[in-house]
Amino acid sequence: MNSFINWKVVKKCVVRQSGLCVVDGQSVFQRLREQTAVASPTAERGLPESDGIESEARNETNGDSLVQAHLRAEEILLEARFRAEGLIRGAEEAAALRGKEIEEQARTEGQKKGYADGYDDGRREGLRSGEEAAARLLNRSGELMRLATKAAQAEFLRADREILGLALAIAERIVKASLAVRPQRLLEIVRALALLPEEKTGMVLHLSVRDAEWVGELPPESLPCPWVKDDSLSAGDCFLDCQEGVYDAGLADQLAKLEQLLREELEHGGVEPLGPESSDVGTDQRAGPG
């Protein structure tokens, strides 16, 4: 019986997958194809029955070679898988190490950036808080300054009023002492008083009893108008009664008008304009004797 053996090697690619390892078996089967190649070109032609025994022996030899080739292929695949797994582990370790380096670098950069951002934020917050505190202190100091100024002004005004009252009291004493020493000065006051009315008719001068004693000894032409004694007047006081009214030259009245003017000057920085009733010698409605 003729034995025909068709020595054809299937050209295909076997892929073995183990875990994460993928191995291409093309090179393995290339080696297998080289080991099982038929030496004689007559292997693909039919053989005569007389060569059957030789052919069977050759088939057994070729079968052993095929088994050995399979074993070798398994060894190669296993070795490739181990190498691939080693490469994968190395790549994973390198990736993990690189990841740690990147993480550490990112942490360091993040800390630097966080510190810089925190410093800037803290600086801005500190400046804002400082400005607000300074503004509050400035407002408070302004209020305290206004209160202190107001209190000082009130104290100055009180002191000025006391000084003014004291000055007027001193002036009154000086005038009275001057009139007591030189009663003739009253004549100057009377002559100035007589110039005030526009209508000179019917003028009557009122003098104190004490001043009437020495005035009575003077010539009649010494006074600008007739005069009478008035028990209500103190020494040095007098007033002029005329058709226009009464012009009072009493010391107390003159000092009161002077005090009013000076107080207006102190409190308002100015005085009211003088009217006819606020002249050097004021007018007053006073009843003469009889």
C-alpha atoms as a PDB file:
ATOM      1  CA  MET A   1       0.000   0.000   0.000  1.00  0.00           C
ATOM      2  CA  ASN A   2       1.338   3.296  -0.939  1.00  0.00           C
ATOM      3  CA  SER A   3       1.619   5.853   1.826  1.00  0.00           C
ATOM      4  CA  PHE A   4       1.270   9.456   0.933  1.00  0.00           C
ATOM      5  CA  ILE A   5       2.387  12.152   3.304  1.00  0.00           C
ATOM      6  CA  ASN A   6       1.584  15.702   2.434  1.00  0.00           C
ATOM      7  CA  TRP A   7       4.197  17.747   4.217  1.00  0.00           C
ATOM      8  CA  LYS A   8       2.541  21.083   4.313  1.00  0.00           C
ATOM      9  CA  VAL A   9       2.991  23.498   7.187  1.00  0.00           C
ATOM     10  CA  VAL A  10       0.038  25.674   7.899  1.00  0.00           C
ATOM     11  CA  LYS A  11       1.158  29.268   7.822  1.00  0.00           C
ATOM     12  CA  LYS A  12      -0.694  30.934  10.575  1.00  0.00           C
ATOM     13  CA  CYS A  13      -0.016  33.065  13.610  1.00  0.00           C
ATOM     14  CA  VAL A  14      -0.693  31.599  17.027  1.00  0.00           C
ATOM     15  CA  VAL A  15      -1.240  34.148  19.797  1.00  0.00           C
ATOM     16  CA  ARG A  16      -0.938  33.045  23.403  1.00  0.00           C
ATOM     17  CA  GLN A  17      -2.271  35.384  26.087  1.00  0.00           C
ATOM     18  CA  SER A  18      -1.287  35.004  29.722  1.00  0.00           C
ATOM     19  CA  GLY A  19      -2.430  37.743  31.949  1.00  0.00           C
ATOM     20  CA  LEU A  20      -1.128  40.996  30.575  1.00  0.00           C
ATOM     21  CA  CYS A  21       1.448  39.175  28.284  1.00  0.00           C
ATOM     22  CA  VAL A  22       0.782  38.913  24.530  1.00  0.00           C
ATOM     23  CA  VAL A  23       3.300  36.796  22.545  1.00  0.00           C
ATOM     24  CA  ASP A  24       3.443  36.498  18.776  1.00  0.00           C
ATOM     25  CA  GLY A  25       4.223  32.898  17.667  1.00  0.00           C
ATOM     26  CA  GLN A  26       5.147  33.677  14.052  1.00  0.00           C
ATOM     27  CA  SER A  27       8.890  33.289  14.691  1.00  0.00           C
ATOM     28  CA  VAL A  28       8.290  30.019  16.587  1.00  0.00           C
ATOM     29  CA  PHE A  29       6.462  28.416  13.717  1.00  0.00           C
ATOM     30  CA  GLN A  30       9.105  29.701  11.341  1.00  0.00           C
ATOM     31  CA  ARG A  31      11.645  27.637  13.292  1.00  0.00           C
ATOM     32  CA  LEU A  32       9.265  24.680  13.303  1.00  0.00           C
ATOM     33  CA  ARG A  33       8.882  24.947   9.563  1.00  0.00           C
ATOM     34  CA  GLU A  34      12.643  24.910   9.101  1.00  0.00           C
ATOM     35  CA  GLN A  35      13.045  21.778  11.295  1.00  0.00           C
ATOM     36  CA  THR A  36      10.261  19.792   9.581  1.00  0.00           C
ATOM     37  CA  ALA A  37      11.103  20.721   6.026  1.00  0.00           C
ATOM     38  CA  VAL A  38      11.297  17.676   3.662  1.00  0.00           C
ATOM     39  CA  ALA A  39      14.770  17.047   2.299  1.00  0.00           C
ATOM     40  CA  SER A  40      13.606  15.446  -0.952  1.00  0.00           C
ATOM     41  CA  PRO A  41      11.420  17.202  -3.509  1.00  0.00           C
ATOM     42  CA  THR A  42       9.558  13.903  -3.973  1.00  0.00           C
ATOM     43  CA  ALA A  43       7.929  14.242  -0.557  1.00  0.00           C
ATOM     44  CA  GLU A  44       4.869  15.839  -2.081  1.00  0.00           C
ATOM     45  CA  ARG A  45       4.555  13.122  -4.792  1.00  0.00           C
ATOM     46  CA  GLY A  46       3.154   9.642  -4.299  1.00  0.00           C
ATOM     47  CA  LEU A  47       5.638   6.943  -3.188  1.00  0.00           C
ATOM     48  CA  PRO A  48       5.630   3.325  -4.368  1.00  0.00           C
ATOM     49  CA  GLU A  49       4.562   0.541  -2.025  1.00  0.00           C
ATOM     50  CA  SER A  50       8.102  -0.810  -1.929  1.00  0.00           C
ATOM     51  CA  ASP A  51       9.216   2.254  -0.063  1.00  0.00           C
ATOM     52  CA  GLY A  52       6.496   2.012   2.636  1.00  0.00           C
ATOM     53  CA  ILE A  53       8.718   0.889   5.457  1.00  0.00           C
ATOM     54  CA  GLU A  54      11.234   3.595   4.780  1.00  0.00           C
ATOM     55  CA  SER A  55       8.447   6.093   4.545  1.00  0.00           C
ATOM     56  CA  GLU A  56       6.934   5.017   7.852  1.00  0.00           C
ATOM     57  CA  ALA A  57      10.318   5.272   9.544  1.00  0.00           C
ATOM     58  CA  ARG A  58      10.746   8.711   8.124  1.00  0.00           C
ATOM     59  CA  ASN A  59       7.258   9.605   9.377  1.00  0.00           C
ATOM     60  CA  GLU A  60       8.123   8.481  12.892  1.00  0.00           C
ATOM     61  CA  THR A  61      11.305  10.527  12.781  1.00  0.00           C
ATOM     62  CA  ASN A  62       9.407  13.520  11.530  1.00  0.00           C
ATOM     63  CA  GLY A  63       6.758  13.006  14.253  1.00  0.00           C
ATOM     64  CA  ASP A  64       9.427  13.050  16.934  1.00  0.00           C
ATOM     65  CA  SER A  65      10.859  16.187  15.422  1.00  0.00           C
ATOM     66  CA  LEU A  66       7.414  17.769  15.448  1.00  0.00           C
ATOM     67  CA  VAL A  67       6.949  16.931  19.127  1.00  0.00           C
ATOM     68  CA  GLN A  68      10.344  18.368  19.920  1.00  0.00           C
ATOM     69  CA  ALA A  69       9.465  21.444  17.920  1.00  0.00           C
ATOM     70  CA  HIS A  70       6.251  21.837  19.917  1.00  0.00           C
ATOM     71  CA  LEU A  71       8.157  21.502  23.164  1.00  0.00           C
ATOM     72  CA  ARG A  72      10.708  24.003  21.983  1.00  0.00           C
ATOM     73  CA  ALA A  73       7.928  26.328  20.960  1.00  0.00           C
ATOM     74  CA  GLU A  74       6.401  26.002  24.434  1.00  0.00           C
ATOM     75  CA  GLU A  75       9.752  26.807  26.006  1.00  0.00           C
ATOM     76  CA  ILE A  76      10.180  29.813  23.755  1.00  0.00           C
ATOM     77  CA  LEU A  77       6.664  31.013  24.538  1.00  0.00           C
ATOM     78  CA  LEU A  78       7.223  30.557  28.271  1.00  0.00           C
ATOM     79  CA  GLU A  79      10.524  32.381  28.108  1.00  0.00           C
ATOM     80  CA  ALA A  80       8.921  35.163  26.090  1.00  0.00           C
ATOM     81  CA  ARG A  81       6.099  35.378  28.589  1.00  0.00           C
ATOM     82  CA  PHE A  82       8.560  35.622  31.503  1.00  0.00           C
ATOM     83  CA  ARG A  83      10.521  38.294  29.692  1.00  0.00           C
ATOM     84  CA  ALA A  84       7.338  40.168  28.866  1.00  0.00           C
ATOM     85  CA  GLU A  85       6.174  39.947  32.457  1.00  0.00           C
ATOM     86  CA  GLY A  86       9.580  41.205  33.592  1.00  0.00           C
ATOM     87  CA  LEU A  87       9.355  44.079  31.151  1.00  0.00           C
ATOM     88  CA  ILE A  88       5.835  44.849  32.324  1.00  0.00           C
ATOM     89  CA  ARG A  89       6.908  44.766  35.981  1.00  0.00           C
ATOM     90  CA  GLY A  90       9.858  46.977  35.187  1.00  0.00           C
ATOM     91  CA  ALA A  91       7.614  49.363  33.295  1.00  0.00           C
ATOM     92  CA  GLU A  92       5.107  49.368  36.151  1.00  0.00           C
ATOM     93  CA  GLU A  93       7.845  50.011  38.713  1.00  0.00           C
ATOM     94  CA  ALA A  94       9.318  52.758  36.545  1.00  0.00           C
ATOM     95  CA  ALA A  95       5.853  54.242  36.075  1.00  0.00           C
ATOM     96  CA  ALA A  96       5.180  54.058  39.833  1.00  0.00           C
ATOM     97  CA  LEU A  97       8.537  55.680  40.576  1.00  0.00           C
ATOM     98  CA  ARG A  98       7.911  58.364  37.984  1.00  0.00           C
ATOM     99  CA  GLY A  99       4.434  58.858  39.386  1.00  0.00           C
ATOM    100  CA  LYS A 100       5.892  59.355  42.864  1.00  0.00           C
ATOM    101  CA  GLU A 101       8.417  61.818  41.475  1.00  0.00           C
ATOM    102  CA  ILE A 102       5.661  63.704  39.665  1.00  0.00           C
ATOM    103  CA  GLU A 103       3.499  63.617  42.796  1.00  0.00           C
ATOM    104  CA  GLU A 104       6.368  64.892  44.945  1.00  0.00           C
ATOM    105  CA  GLN A 105       7.168  67.599  42.398  1.00  0.00           C
ATOM    106  CA  ALA A 106       3.513  68.580  42.224  1.00  0.00           C
ATOM    107  CA  ARG A 107       3.338  68.649  46.029  1.00  0.00           C
ATOM    108  CA  THR A 108       6.456  70.802  46.222  1.00  0.00           C
ATOM    109  CA  GLU A 109       5.209  73.158  43.531  1.00  0.00           C
ATOM    110  CA  GLY A 110       1.780  73.215  45.163  1.00  0.00           C
ATOM    111  CA  GLN A 111       3.339  74.072  48.512  1.00  0.00           C
ATOM    112  CA  LYS A 112       5.382  76.849  46.924  1.00  0.00           C
ATOM    113  CA  LYS A 113       2.370  78.182  45.073  1.00  0.00           C
ATOM    114  CA  GLY A 114       0.207  77.806  48.167  1.00  0.00           C
ATOM    115  CA  TYR A 115       2.791  79.648  50.235  1.00  0.00           C
ATOM    116  CA  ALA A 116       3.035  82.415  47.639  1.00  0.00           C
ATOM    117  CA  ASP A 117      -0.747  82.652  47.331  1.00  0.00           C
ATOM    118  CA  GLY A 118      -1.131  82.543  51.101  1.00  0.00           C
ATOM    119  CA  TYR A 119       1.516  85.220  51.520  1.00  0.00           C
ATOM    120  CA  ASP A 120      -0.162  87.456  48.957  1.00  0.00           C
ATOM    121  CA  ASP A 121      -3.597  86.857  50.469  1.00  0.00           C
ATOM    122  CA  GLY A 122      -2.250  87.475  53.960  1.00  0.00           C
ATOM    123  CA  ARG A 123      -0.479  90.614  52.831  1.00  0.00           C
ATOM    124  CA  ARG A 124      -3.612  91.953  51.174  1.00  0.00           C
ATOM    125  CA  GLU A 125      -5.723  91.046  54.181  1.00  0.00           C
ATOM    126  CA  GLY A 126      -3.184  92.628  56.517  1.00  0.00           C
ATOM    127  CA  LEU A 127      -3.096  95.822  54.476  1.00  0.00           C
ATOM    128  CA  ARG A 128      -6.889  95.972  54.364  1.00  0.00           C
ATOM    129  CA  SER A 129      -7.184  95.369  58.106  1.00  0.00           C
ATOM    130  CA  GLY A 130      -4.470  97.942  58.797  1.00  0.00           C
ATOM    131  CA  GLU A 131      -6.161 100.529  56.602  1.00  0.00           C
ATOM    132  CA  GLU A 132      -9.513  99.922  58.283  1.00  0.00           C
ATOM    133  CA  ALA A 133      -7.942 100.176  61.744  1.00  0.00           C
ATOM    134  CA  ALA A 134      -6.101 103.356  60.747  1.00  0.00           C
ATOM    135  CA  ALA A 135      -9.333 104.841  59.376  1.00  0.00           C
ATOM    136  CA  ARG A 136     -11.144 104.012  62.616  1.00  0.00           C
ATOM    137  CA  LEU A 137      -8.358 105.535  64.692  1.00  0.00           C
ATOM    138  CA  LEU A 138      -8.313 108.598  62.457  1.00  0.00           C
ATOM    139  CA  ASN A 139     -12.069 109.060  62.809  1.00  0.00           C
ATOM    140  CA  ARG A 140     -11.842 108.551  66.554  1.00  0.00           C
ATOM    141  CA  SER A 141      -8.956 110.983  66.868  1.00  0.00           C
ATOM    142  CA  GLY A 142     -10.920 113.486  64.780  1.00  0.00           C
ATOM    143  CA  GLU A 143     -13.910 113.157  67.104  1.00  0.00           C
ATOM    144  CA  LEU A 144     -11.677 113.549  70.160  1.00  0.00           C
ATOM    145  CA  MET A 145     -10.030 116.577  68.586  1.00  0.00           C
ATOM    146  CA  ARG A 146     -13.412 118.164  67.885  1.00  0.00           C
ATOM    147  CA  LEU A 147     -14.571 117.480  71.442  1.00  0.00           C
ATOM    148  CA  ALA A 148     -11.341 118.868  72.870  1.00  0.00           C
ATOM    149  CA  THR A 149     -11.577 121.948  70.652  1.00  0.00           C
ATOM    150  CA  LYS A 150     -15.194 122.496  71.635  1.00  0.00           C
ATOM    151  CA  ALA A 151     -14.365 122.121  75.328  1.00  0.00           C
ATOM    152  CA  ALA A 152     -11.407 124.480  74.971  1.00  0.00           C
ATOM    153  CA  GLN A 153     -13.547 127.054  73.185  1.00  0.00           C
ATOM    154  CA  ALA A 154     -16.205 126.814  75.895  1.00  0.00           C
ATOM    155  CA  GLU A 155     -13.538 127.227  78.566  1.00  0.00           C
ATOM    156  CA  PHE A 156     -12.003 130.184  76.735  1.00  0.00           C
ATOM    157  CA  LEU A 157     -15.431 131.801  76.403  1.00  0.00           C
ATOM    158  CA  ARG A 158     -16.144 131.302  80.096  1.00  0.00           C
ATOM    159  CA  ALA A 159     -12.769 132.772  80.980  1.00  0.00           C
ATOM    160  CA  ASP A 160     -13.352 135.695  78.596  1.00  0.00           C
ATOM    161  CA  ARG A 161     -16.712 136.399  80.215  1.00  0.00           C
ATOM    162  CA  GLU A 162     -15.178 136.360  83.665  1.00  0.00           C
ATOM    163  CA  ILE A 163     -12.381 138.622  82.496  1.00  0.00           C
ATOM    164  CA  LEU A 164     -14.907 140.943  80.860  1.00  0.00           C
ATOM    165  CA  GLY A 165     -16.989 141.157  84.029  1.00  0.00           C
ATOM    166  CA  LEU A 166     -13.867 141.853  86.042  1.00  0.00           C
ATOM    167  CA  ALA A 167     -12.719 144.513  83.571  1.00  0.00           C
ATOM    168  CA  LEU A 168     -16.095 146.267  83.664  1.00  0.00           C
ATOM    169  CA  ALA A 169     -16.107 146.244  87.453  1.00  0.00           C
ATOM    170  CA  ILE A 170     -12.628 147.743  87.456  1.00  0.00           C
ATOM    171  CA  ALA A 171     -13.687 150.353  84.881  1.00  0.00           C
ATOM    172  CA  GLU A 172     -16.689 151.311  86.997  1.00  0.00           C
ATOM    173  CA  ARG A 173     -14.502 151.815  90.045  1.00  0.00           C
ATOM    174  CA  ILE A 174     -11.992 153.830  88.045  1.00  0.00           C
ATOM    175  CA  VAL A 175     -14.675 156.106  86.573  1.00  0.00           C
ATOM    176  CA  LYS A 176     -16.310 156.647  89.943  1.00  0.00           C
ATOM    177  CA  ALA A 177     -12.962 157.379  91.545  1.00  0.00           C
ATOM    178  CA  SER A 178     -12.107 159.778  88.727  1.00  0.00           C
ATOM    179  CA  LEU A 179     -15.418 161.623  89.115  1.00  0.00           C
ATOM    180  CA  ALA A 180     -14.950 161.745  92.869  1.00  0.00           C
ATOM    181  CA  VAL A 181     -11.516 163.293  92.476  1.00  0.00           C
ATOM    182  CA  ARG A 182     -12.472 165.549  89.550  1.00  0.00           C
ATOM    183  CA  PRO A 183     -16.219 166.085  89.535  1.00  0.00           C
ATOM    184  CA  GLN A 184     -15.755 168.672  86.810  1.00  0.00           C
ATOM    185  CA  ARG A 185     -15.446 165.819  84.305  1.00  0.00           C
ATOM    186  CA  LEU A 186     -19.203 165.521  84.578  1.00  0.00           C
ATOM    187  CA  LEU A 187     -19.449 168.788  82.652  1.00  0.00           C
ATOM    188  CA  GLU A 188     -17.802 167.122  79.642  1.00  0.00           C
ATOM    189  CA  ILE A 189     -20.388 164.315  79.787  1.00  0.00           C
ATOM    190  CA  VAL A 190     -23.246 166.816  80.026  1.00  0.00           C
ATOM    191  CA  ARG A 191     -22.007 168.860  77.048  1.00  0.00           C
ATOM    192  CA  ALA A 192     -21.673 165.645  74.937  1.00  0.00           C
ATOM    193  CA  LEU A 193     -25.156 164.588  76.047  1.00  0.00           C
ATOM    194  CA  ALA A 194     -26.680 167.893  74.950  1.00  0.00           C
ATOM    195  CA  LEU A 195     -25.403 167.403  71.395  1.00  0.00           C
ATOM    196  CA  LEU A 196     -27.486 164.261  70.813  1.00  0.00           C
ATOM    197  CA  PRO A 197     -31.041 165.659  70.384  1.00  0.00           C
ATOM    198  CA  GLU A 198     -31.828 167.326  67.090  1.00  0.00           C
ATOM    199  CA  GLU A 199     -34.503 169.464  68.724  1.00  0.00           C
ATOM    200  CA  LYS A 200     -32.885 171.512  71.459  1.00  0.00           C
ATOM    201  CA  THR A 201     -36.040 173.125  72.775  1.00  0.00           C
ATOM    202  CA  GLY A 202     -37.331 171.993  76.185  1.00  0.00           C
ATOM    203  CA  MET A 203     -34.208 170.139  77.282  1.00  0.00           C
ATOM    204  CA  VAL A 204     -33.839 169.570  81.044  1.00  0.00           C
ATOM    205  CA  LEU A 205     -30.757 168.002  82.662  1.00  0.00           C
ATOM    206  CA  HIS A 206     -31.211 165.736  85.710  1.00  0.00           C
ATOM    207  CA  LEU A 207     -28.301 165.624  88.177  1.00  0.00           C
ATOM    208  CA  SER A 208     -27.706 163.774  91.432  1.00  0.00           C
ATOM    209  CA  VAL A 209     -28.061 165.665  94.714  1.00  0.00           C
ATOM    210  CA  ARG A 210     -24.338 165.476  95.365  1.00  0.00           C
ATOM    211  CA  ASP A 211     -23.421 166.812  91.909  1.00  0.00           C
ATOM    212  CA  ALA A 212     -26.082 169.530  92.184  1.00  0.00           C
ATOM    213  CA  GLU A 213     -24.189 171.018  95.143  1.00  0.00           C
ATOM    214  CA  TRP A 214     -21.030 171.883  93.231  1.00  0.00           C
ATOM    215  CA  VAL A 215     -22.823 172.552  89.917  1.00  0.00           C
ATOM    216  CA  GLY A 216     -24.963 175.175  91.696  1.00  0.00           C
ATOM    217  CA  GLU A 217     -21.817 177.123  92.438  1.00  0.00           C
ATOM    218  CA  LEU A 218     -20.941 177.433  88.740  1.00  0.00           C
ATOM    219  CA  PRO A 219     -22.089 180.230  86.461  1.00  0.00           C
ATOM    220  CA  PRO A 220     -25.373 179.433  84.628  1.00  0.00           C
ATOM    221  CA  GLU A 221     -23.666 179.473  81.249  1.00  0.00           C
ATOM    222  CA  SER A 222     -21.445 176.566  82.375  1.00  0.00           C
ATOM    223  CA  LEU A 223     -24.261 174.122  81.456  1.00  0.00           C
ATOM    224  CA  PRO A 224     -25.938 173.924  78.003  1.00  0.00           C
ATOM    225  CA  CYS A 225     -29.482 173.737  79.438  1.00  0.00           C
ATOM    226  CA  PRO A 226     -31.449 174.109  82.687  1.00  0.00           C
ATOM    227  CA  TRP A 227     -30.947 171.388  85.287  1.00  0.00           C
ATOM    228  CA  VAL A 228     -32.778 169.930  88.264  1.00  0.00           C
ATOM    229  CA  LYS A 229     -31.847 167.696  91.194  1.00  0.00           C
ATOM    230  CA  ASP A 230     -32.919 164.026  91.067  1.00  0.00           C
ATOM    231  CA  ASP A 231     -32.812 161.975  94.279  1.00  0.00           C
ATOM    232  CA  SER A 232     -32.848 158.685  92.275  1.00  0.00           C
ATOM    233  CA  LEU A 233     -29.424 159.347  90.758  1.00  0.00           C
ATOM    234  CA  SER A 234     -26.030 158.461  92.202  1.00  0.00           C
ATOM    235  CA  ALA A 235     -23.057 160.776  92.097  1.00  0.00           C
ATOM    236  CA  GLY A 236     -21.716 161.018  88.549  1.00  0.00           C
ATOM    237  CA  ASP A 237     -25.016 159.939  86.939  1.00  0.00           C
ATOM    238  CA  CYS A 238     -27.217 162.184  84.823  1.00  0.00           C
ATOM    239  CA  PHE A 239     -29.777 162.047  82.002  1.00  0.00           C
ATOM    240  CA  LEU A 240     -31.250 164.545  79.548  1.00  0.00           C
ATOM    241  CA  ASP A 241     -35.031 164.835  79.154  1.00  0.00           C
ATOM    242  CA  CYS A 242     -36.187 166.360  75.847  1.00  0.00           C
ATOM    243  CA  GLN A 243     -38.984 166.205  73.269  1.00  0.00           C
ATOM    244  CA  GLU A 244     -37.287 163.258  71.520  1.00  0.00           C
ATOM    245  CA  GLY A 245     -37.087 161.200  74.712  1.00  0.00           C
ATOM    246  CA  VAL A 246     -34.560 160.583  77.423  1.00  0.00           C
ATOM    247  CA  TYR A 247     -30.794 160.326  76.848  1.00  0.00           C
ATOM    248  CA  ASP A 248     -29.270 158.516  79.839  1.00  0.00           C
ATOM    249  CA  ALA A 249     -25.621 159.118  80.678  1.00  0.00           C
ATOM    250  CA  GLY A 250     -25.651 157.068  83.884  1.00  0.00           C
ATOM    251  CA  LEU A 251     -22.509 155.090  84.547  1.00  0.00           C
ATOM    252  CA  ALA A 252     -24.357 151.791  85.089  1.00  0.00           C
ATOM    253  CA  ASP A 253     -26.278 152.157  81.830  1.00  0.00           C
ATOM    254  CA  GLN A 254     -23.128 152.976  79.872  1.00  0.00           C
ATOM    255  CA  LEU A 255     -21.254 150.016  81.346  1.00  0.00           C
ATOM    256  CA  ALA A 256     -24.194 147.681  80.536  1.00  0.00           C
ATOM    257  CA  LYS A 257     -24.179 148.784  76.895  1.00  0.00           C
ATOM    258  CA  LEU A 258     -20.403 148.376  76.761  1.00  0.00           C
ATOM    259  CA  GLU A 259     -20.672 144.875  78.262  1.00  0.00           C
ATOM    260  CA  GLN A 260     -23.297 143.890  75.670  1.00  0.00           C
ATOM    261  CA  LEU A 261     -21.087 145.018  72.803  1.00  0.00           C
ATOM    262  CA  LEU A 262     -18.045 143.226  74.168  1.00  0.00           C
ATOM    263  CA  ARG A 263     -19.959 139.965  74.774  1.00  0.00           C
ATOM    264  CA  GLU A 264     -21.260 140.006  71.197  1.00  0.00           C
ATOM    265  CA  GLU A 265     -17.703 140.461  70.034  1.00  0.00           C
ATOM    266  CA  LEU A 266     -16.584 137.458  72.089  1.00  0.00           C
ATOM    267  CA  GLU A 267     -19.416 135.083  71.150  1.00  0.00           C
ATOM    268  CA  HIS A 268     -20.042 135.998  67.515  1.00  0.00           C
ATOM    269  CA  GLY A 269     -16.860 137.676  66.396  1.00  0.00           C
ATOM    270  CA  GLY A 270     -18.725 140.909  65.690  1.00  0.00           C
ATOM    271  CA  VAL A 271     -21.214 143.372  67.102  1.00  0.00           C
ATOM    272  CA  GLU A 272     -24.631 144.494  66.009  1.00  0.00           C
ATOM    273  CA  PRO A 273     -24.750 147.887  64.291  1.00  0.00           C
ATOM    274  CA  LEU A 274     -25.509 150.687  66.658  1.00  0.00           C
ATOM    275  CA  GLY A 275     -28.876 152.418  66.405  1.00  0.00           C
ATOM    276  CA  PRO A 276     -30.034 155.666  67.914  1.00  0.00           C
ATOM    277  CA  GLU A 277     -30.853 153.800  71.127  1.00  0.00           C
ATOM    278  CA  SER A 278     -27.320 152.327  71.269  1.00  0.00           C
ATOM    279  CA  SER A 279     -25.333 155.532  70.956  1.00  0.00           C
ATOM    280  CA  ASP A 280     -22.524 156.507  73.237  1.00  0.00           C
ATOM    281  CA  VAL A 281     -25.175 157.928  75.480  1.00  0.00           C
ATOM    282  CA  GLY A 282     -28.349 155.866  75.329  1.00  0.00           C
ATOM    283  CA  THR A 283     -31.963 156.952  75.376  1.00  0.00           C
ATOM    284  CA  ASP A 284     -34.350 155.802  78.066  1.00  0.00           C
ATOM    285  CA  GLN A 285     -37.879 156.535  79.130  1.00  0.00           C
ATOM    286  CA  ARG A 286     -37.434 157.956  82.572  1.00  0.00           C
ATOM    287  CA  ALA A 287     -39.730 160.241  84.418  1.00  0.00           C
ATOM    288  CA  GLY A 288     -38.201 163.395  85.691  1.00  0.00           C
ATOM    289  CA  PRO A 289     -38.923 164.762  89.121  1.00  0.00           C
ATOM    290  CA  GLY A 290     -42.349 166.254  89.537  1.00  0.00           C
END
